[in-house]
Amino acid sequence: MMSDITSTFESMSIGLLVALGALLVAELVLMVTALVSVLRRSQEELNGPKWLWILVVIFVNMIGPIVYFILGRKPEQVDVAVAQGEDRPEAVQSVADVLYGDAPSEDAQ
């Protein structure tokens, strides 16, 4: 039996072996990324039970992690406060501070 597997791989071209290797790496990266995502999220952030998504990701090769990323996660809720009138530049600055840290002082420049 082992010789059948060995002869199968020996009869494949190098290009096909490289493609199979790349596909295997892509599948493993997707699976590990999806599993980490499932395990880090709370039950409220998922569409369905956590244990079910773990089984789908592990046992439904290549398609399972993709299905999880499309259907399994609830959209993140973003709290966006829209400033009116004169407060708008301050709101934009506060968003920039959150994203990039506080602006350097005038003395530092």
N, C-alpha and C. Protein backbone atom coordinates (compact mmCIF):
# COMPACT_ATOMS: atom_id res chain seq x y z
N MET A 1 0.82 -1.19 0.00
CA MET A 1 0.00 0.00 0.00
C MET A 1 0.87 1.26 0.00
N MET A 2 1.92 1.29 0.81
CA MET A 2 2.80 2.45 0.87
C MET A 2 3.49 2.66 -0.46
N SER A 3 3.80 1.59 -1.16
CA SER A 3 4.45 1.73 -2.46
C SER A 3 3.50 2.33 -3.49
N ASP A 4 2.18 2.09 -3.33
CA ASP A 4 1.19 2.70 -4.23
C ASP A 4 1.17 4.21 -4.06
N ILE A 5 1.21 4.68 -2.82
CA ILE A 5 1.21 6.11 -2.55
C ILE A 5 2.51 6.73 -3.07
N THR A 6 3.63 6.08 -2.81
CA THR A 6 4.92 6.58 -3.26
C THR A 6 4.96 6.65 -4.78
N SER A 7 4.47 5.62 -5.44
CA SER A 7 4.50 5.63 -6.91
C SER A 7 3.56 6.70 -7.47
N THR A 8 2.47 6.98 -6.76
CA THR A 8 1.55 8.02 -7.20
C THR A 8 2.25 9.38 -7.17
N PHE A 9 2.93 9.68 -6.07
CA PHE A 9 3.63 10.96 -5.96
C PHE A 9 4.80 11.04 -6.93
N GLU A 10 5.49 9.93 -7.17
CA GLU A 10 6.62 9.94 -8.09
C GLU A 10 6.18 10.17 -9.52
N SER A 11 4.95 9.78 -9.85
CA SER A 11 4.48 9.96 -11.22
C SER A 11 3.93 11.37 -11.48
N MET A 12 3.77 12.18 -10.43
CA MET A 12 3.26 13.55 -10.59
C MET A 12 4.38 14.48 -11.03
N SER A 13 3.99 15.50 -11.79
CA SER A 13 4.97 16.48 -12.21
C SER A 13 5.31 17.41 -11.05
N ILE A 14 6.42 18.09 -11.16
CA ILE A 14 6.85 19.03 -10.11
C ILE A 14 5.84 20.15 -9.94
N GLY A 15 5.30 20.65 -11.04
CA GLY A 15 4.31 21.73 -10.99
C GLY A 15 3.07 21.32 -10.21
N LEU A 16 2.61 20.10 -10.42
CA LEU A 16 1.44 19.61 -9.71
C LEU A 16 1.73 19.44 -8.22
N LEU A 17 2.90 18.95 -7.89
CA LEU A 17 3.28 18.81 -6.48
C LEU A 17 3.37 20.17 -5.78
N VAL A 18 3.91 21.17 -6.48
CA VAL A 18 3.99 22.52 -5.92
C VAL A 18 2.59 23.08 -5.72
N ALA A 19 1.70 22.87 -6.69
CA ALA A 19 0.32 23.36 -6.57
C ALA A 19 -0.39 22.68 -5.40
N LEU A 20 -0.21 21.39 -5.24
CA LEU A 20 -0.81 20.68 -4.12
C LEU A 20 -0.26 21.18 -2.79
N GLY A 21 1.03 21.44 -2.75
CA GLY A 21 1.65 21.98 -1.53
C GLY A 21 1.10 23.35 -1.19
N ALA A 22 0.95 24.22 -2.20
CA ALA A 22 0.40 25.56 -1.98
C ALA A 22 -1.04 25.47 -1.51
N LEU A 23 -1.82 24.56 -2.07
CA LEU A 23 -3.20 24.37 -1.66
C LEU A 23 -3.27 23.88 -0.21
N LEU A 24 -2.39 23.00 0.16
CA LEU A 24 -2.35 22.50 1.54
C LEU A 24 -1.99 23.61 2.52
N VAL A 25 -1.03 24.44 2.16
CA VAL A 25 -0.65 25.56 3.03
C VAL A 25 -1.81 26.55 3.16
N ALA A 26 -2.48 26.86 2.05
CA ALA A 26 -3.62 27.78 2.09
C ALA A 26 -4.73 27.23 2.97
N GLU A 27 -4.99 25.93 2.86
CA GLU A 27 -6.03 25.30 3.68
C GLU A 27 -5.67 25.38 5.17
N LEU A 28 -4.42 25.10 5.50
CA LEU A 28 -4.01 25.16 6.90
C LEU A 28 -4.07 26.57 7.46
N VAL A 29 -3.66 27.56 6.67
CA VAL A 29 -3.71 28.96 7.12
C VAL A 29 -5.16 29.38 7.35
N LEU A 30 -6.05 29.03 6.42
CA LEU A 30 -7.46 29.36 6.59
C LEU A 30 -8.03 28.70 7.84
N MET A 31 -7.72 27.42 8.04
CA MET A 31 -8.26 26.69 9.17
C MET A 31 -7.78 27.27 10.49
N VAL A 32 -6.50 27.53 10.61
CA VAL A 32 -5.95 28.07 11.86
C VAL A 32 -6.50 29.47 12.12
N THR A 33 -6.58 30.30 11.09
CA THR A 33 -7.12 31.64 11.25
C THR A 33 -8.58 31.60 11.70
N ALA A 34 -9.37 30.74 11.08
CA ALA A 34 -10.79 30.62 11.45
C ALA A 34 -10.95 30.07 12.87
N LEU A 35 -10.14 29.08 13.24
CA LEU A 35 -10.23 28.54 14.59
C LEU A 35 -9.87 29.58 15.64
N VAL A 36 -8.84 30.34 15.39
CA VAL A 36 -8.45 31.40 16.33
C VAL A 36 -9.58 32.43 16.45
N SER A 37 -10.19 32.77 15.32
CA SER A 37 -11.29 33.74 15.33
C SER A 37 -12.48 33.20 16.12
N VAL A 38 -12.84 31.94 15.91
CA VAL A 38 -13.97 31.35 16.64
C VAL A 38 -13.67 31.34 18.14
N LEU A 39 -12.49 30.93 18.51
CA LEU A 39 -12.16 30.79 19.93
C LEU A 39 -12.06 32.14 20.64
N ARG A 40 -11.68 33.19 19.94
CA ARG A 40 -11.54 34.51 20.57
C ARG A 40 -12.87 35.25 20.70
N ARG A 41 -13.86 34.87 19.94
CA ARG A 41 -15.15 35.56 19.97
C ARG A 41 -16.05 34.98 21.05
N SER A 42 -16.90 35.84 21.61
CA SER A 42 -17.89 35.36 22.55
C SER A 42 -19.05 34.75 21.76
N GLN A 43 -19.89 34.01 22.46
CA GLN A 43 -21.04 33.36 21.81
C GLN A 43 -21.97 34.38 21.17
N GLU A 44 -22.08 35.56 21.78
CA GLU A 44 -22.98 36.59 21.25
C GLU A 44 -22.49 37.17 19.93
N GLU A 45 -21.22 37.02 19.63
CA GLU A 45 -20.66 37.56 18.40
C GLU A 45 -20.73 36.58 17.23
N LEU A 46 -21.29 35.39 17.47
CA LEU A 46 -21.36 34.36 16.44
C LEU A 46 -22.80 34.07 16.05
N ASN A 47 -23.00 33.69 14.81
CA ASN A 47 -24.29 33.21 14.33
C ASN A 47 -24.32 31.71 14.51
N GLY A 48 -24.81 31.23 15.63
CA GLY A 48 -24.86 29.81 15.91
C GLY A 48 -23.91 29.44 17.02
N PRO A 49 -23.99 28.19 17.46
CA PRO A 49 -23.14 27.74 18.58
C PRO A 49 -21.67 27.66 18.20
N LYS A 50 -20.83 28.00 19.16
CA LYS A 50 -19.38 28.01 18.93
C LYS A 50 -18.88 26.61 18.57
N TRP A 51 -19.38 25.57 19.26
CA TRP A 51 -18.91 24.21 19.01
C TRP A 51 -19.21 23.78 17.57
N LEU A 52 -20.36 24.25 17.03
CA LEU A 52 -20.72 23.90 15.66
C LEU A 52 -19.75 24.52 14.66
N TRP A 53 -19.37 25.78 14.88
CA TRP A 53 -18.44 26.45 13.97
C TRP A 53 -17.06 25.79 14.03
N ILE A 54 -16.66 25.35 15.23
CA ILE A 54 -15.37 24.65 15.34
C ILE A 54 -15.39 23.37 14.50
N LEU A 55 -16.49 22.62 14.58
CA LEU A 55 -16.60 21.38 13.79
C LEU A 55 -16.62 21.67 12.30
N VAL A 56 -17.35 22.71 11.89
CA VAL A 56 -17.42 23.07 10.47
C VAL A 56 -16.03 23.46 9.95
N VAL A 57 -15.31 24.27 10.72
CA VAL A 57 -13.99 24.72 10.29
C VAL A 57 -13.02 23.55 10.17
N ILE A 58 -13.09 22.61 11.10
CA ILE A 58 -12.13 21.50 11.11
C ILE A 58 -12.48 20.44 10.05
N PHE A 59 -13.76 20.08 9.94
CA PHE A 59 -14.11 18.92 9.13
C PHE A 59 -14.60 19.23 7.72
N VAL A 60 -14.93 20.45 7.42
CA VAL A 60 -15.35 20.79 6.05
C VAL A 60 -14.17 21.50 5.40
N ASN A 61 -13.32 20.71 4.79
CA ASN A 61 -12.05 21.22 4.25
C ASN A 61 -12.24 22.39 3.31
N MET A 62 -11.40 23.38 3.45
CA MET A 62 -11.28 24.58 2.63
C MET A 62 -12.57 25.41 2.61
N ILE A 63 -13.72 24.79 2.46
CA ILE A 63 -14.98 25.52 2.38
C ILE A 63 -15.44 25.93 3.78
N GLY A 64 -15.20 25.10 4.80
CA GLY A 64 -15.66 25.39 6.15
C GLY A 64 -15.17 26.73 6.69
N PRO A 65 -13.86 27.00 6.65
CA PRO A 65 -13.39 28.32 7.12
C PRO A 65 -13.96 29.48 6.31
N ILE A 66 -14.12 29.30 5.01
CA ILE A 66 -14.68 30.36 4.18
C ILE A 66 -16.13 30.62 4.56
N VAL A 67 -16.90 29.55 4.77
CA VAL A 67 -18.30 29.70 5.19
C VAL A 67 -18.37 30.39 6.55
N TYR A 68 -17.46 30.03 7.46
CA TYR A 68 -17.44 30.70 8.76
C TYR A 68 -17.19 32.20 8.61
N PHE A 69 -16.21 32.59 7.81
CA PHE A 69 -15.90 34.01 7.66
C PHE A 69 -17.04 34.77 6.99
N ILE A 70 -17.82 34.12 6.14
CA ILE A 70 -18.93 34.79 5.47
C ILE A 70 -20.19 34.80 6.33
N LEU A 71 -20.53 33.67 6.94
CA LEU A 71 -21.82 33.54 7.63
C LEU A 71 -21.72 33.44 9.15
N GLY A 72 -20.59 33.04 9.67
CA GLY A 72 -20.51 32.70 11.09
C GLY A 72 -20.38 33.87 12.03
N ARG A 73 -19.83 34.98 11.57
CA ARG A 73 -19.59 36.12 12.45
C ARG A 73 -20.68 37.16 12.28
N LYS A 74 -21.13 37.70 13.40
CA LYS A 74 -22.06 38.83 13.33
C LYS A 74 -21.26 40.07 13.01
N PRO A 75 -21.84 41.00 12.28
CA PRO A 75 -21.11 42.24 11.97
C PRO A 75 -20.78 43.00 13.26
N GLU A 76 -19.59 43.57 13.30
CA GLU A 76 -19.20 44.35 14.47
C GLU A 76 -19.99 45.64 14.50
N GLN A 77 -20.44 46.00 15.69
CA GLN A 77 -21.19 47.23 15.86
C GLN A 77 -20.21 48.37 16.10
N VAL A 78 -20.32 49.38 15.28
CA VAL A 78 -19.44 50.53 15.39
C VAL A 78 -20.27 51.70 15.92
N ASP A 79 -19.81 52.30 17.00
CA ASP A 79 -20.50 53.44 17.58
C ASP A 79 -19.94 54.71 16.96
N VAL A 80 -20.72 55.26 16.05
CA VAL A 80 -20.28 56.46 15.35
C VAL A 80 -21.17 57.61 15.78
N ALA A 81 -20.57 58.59 16.42
CA ALA A 81 -21.30 59.78 16.81
C ALA A 81 -21.04 60.85 15.77
N VAL A 82 -22.08 61.32 15.15
CA VAL A 82 -21.93 62.32 14.11
C VAL A 82 -22.06 63.69 14.76
N ALA A 83 -21.03 64.47 14.65
CA ALA A 83 -21.02 65.82 15.23
C ALA A 83 -21.72 66.78 14.29
N GLN A 84 -22.33 67.78 14.86
CA GLN A 84 -23.06 68.77 14.07
C GLN A 84 -22.34 70.10 14.12
N GLY A 85 -22.39 70.85 13.04
CA GLY A 85 -21.92 72.22 12.99
C GLY A 85 -20.48 72.42 13.40
N GLU A 86 -20.24 73.30 14.39
CA GLU A 86 -18.89 73.69 14.81
C GLU A 86 -18.13 72.56 15.50
N ASP A 87 -18.82 71.59 16.06
CA ASP A 87 -18.15 70.51 16.77
C ASP A 87 -17.49 69.52 15.82
N ARG A 88 -17.78 69.58 14.57
CA ARG A 88 -17.26 68.62 13.60
C ARG A 88 -15.74 68.54 13.57
N PRO A 89 -14.99 69.65 13.50
CA PRO A 89 -13.53 69.53 13.50
C PRO A 89 -13.00 68.86 14.77
N GLU A 90 -13.63 69.12 15.91
CA GLU A 90 -13.20 68.47 17.15
C GLU A 90 -13.46 66.97 17.10
N ALA A 91 -14.60 66.58 16.51
CA ALA A 91 -14.91 65.16 16.40
C ALA A 91 -13.91 64.46 15.49
N VAL A 92 -13.57 65.12 14.38
CA VAL A 92 -12.59 64.54 13.47
C VAL A 92 -11.25 64.39 14.16
N GLN A 93 -10.85 65.37 14.93
CA GLN A 93 -9.59 65.31 15.66
C GLN A 93 -9.62 64.19 16.70
N SER A 94 -10.75 64.01 17.39
CA SER A 94 -10.81 62.95 18.40
C SER A 94 -10.74 61.58 17.74
N VAL A 95 -11.34 61.43 16.57
CA VAL A 95 -11.24 60.16 15.85
C VAL A 95 -9.79 59.92 15.42
N ALA A 96 -9.13 60.96 14.93
CA ALA A 96 -7.72 60.84 14.53
C ALA A 96 -6.85 60.49 15.74
N ASP A 97 -7.15 61.06 16.90
CA ASP A 97 -6.39 60.74 18.11
C ASP A 97 -6.58 59.28 18.51
N VAL A 98 -7.80 58.77 18.36
CA VAL A 98 -8.05 57.37 18.69
C VAL A 98 -7.29 56.46 17.72
N LEU A 99 -7.31 56.81 16.45
CA LEU A 99 -6.67 55.95 15.46
C LEU A 99 -5.15 56.02 15.49
N TYR A 100 -4.62 57.22 15.67
CA TYR A 100 -3.18 57.41 15.50
C TYR A 100 -2.47 57.88 16.76
N GLY A 101 -3.18 58.03 17.84
CA GLY A 101 -2.56 58.53 19.06
C GLY A 101 -2.69 60.04 19.11
N ASP A 102 -2.35 60.59 20.24
CA ASP A 102 -2.46 62.04 20.41
C ASP A 102 -1.49 62.75 19.47
N ALA A 103 -1.93 63.91 19.00
CA ALA A 103 -1.10 64.71 18.11
C ALA A 103 0.08 65.27 18.89
N PRO A 104 1.24 65.40 18.26
CA PRO A 104 2.38 65.98 18.95
C PRO A 104 2.10 67.44 19.28
N SER A 105 2.69 67.90 20.36
CA SER A 105 2.48 69.30 20.76
C SER A 105 3.17 70.22 19.77
N GLU A 106 2.76 71.48 19.79
CA GLU A 106 3.35 72.48 18.90
C GLU A 106 4.84 72.69 19.20
N ASP A 107 5.24 72.53 20.47
CA ASP A 107 6.64 72.72 20.86
C ASP A 107 7.56 71.67 20.28
N ALA A 108 7.04 70.47 20.08
CA ALA A 108 7.87 69.35 19.61
C ALA A 108 8.23 69.51 18.14
N GLN A 109 7.50 70.32 17.41
CA GLN A 109 7.75 70.42 15.98
C GLN A 109 8.78 71.43 15.65
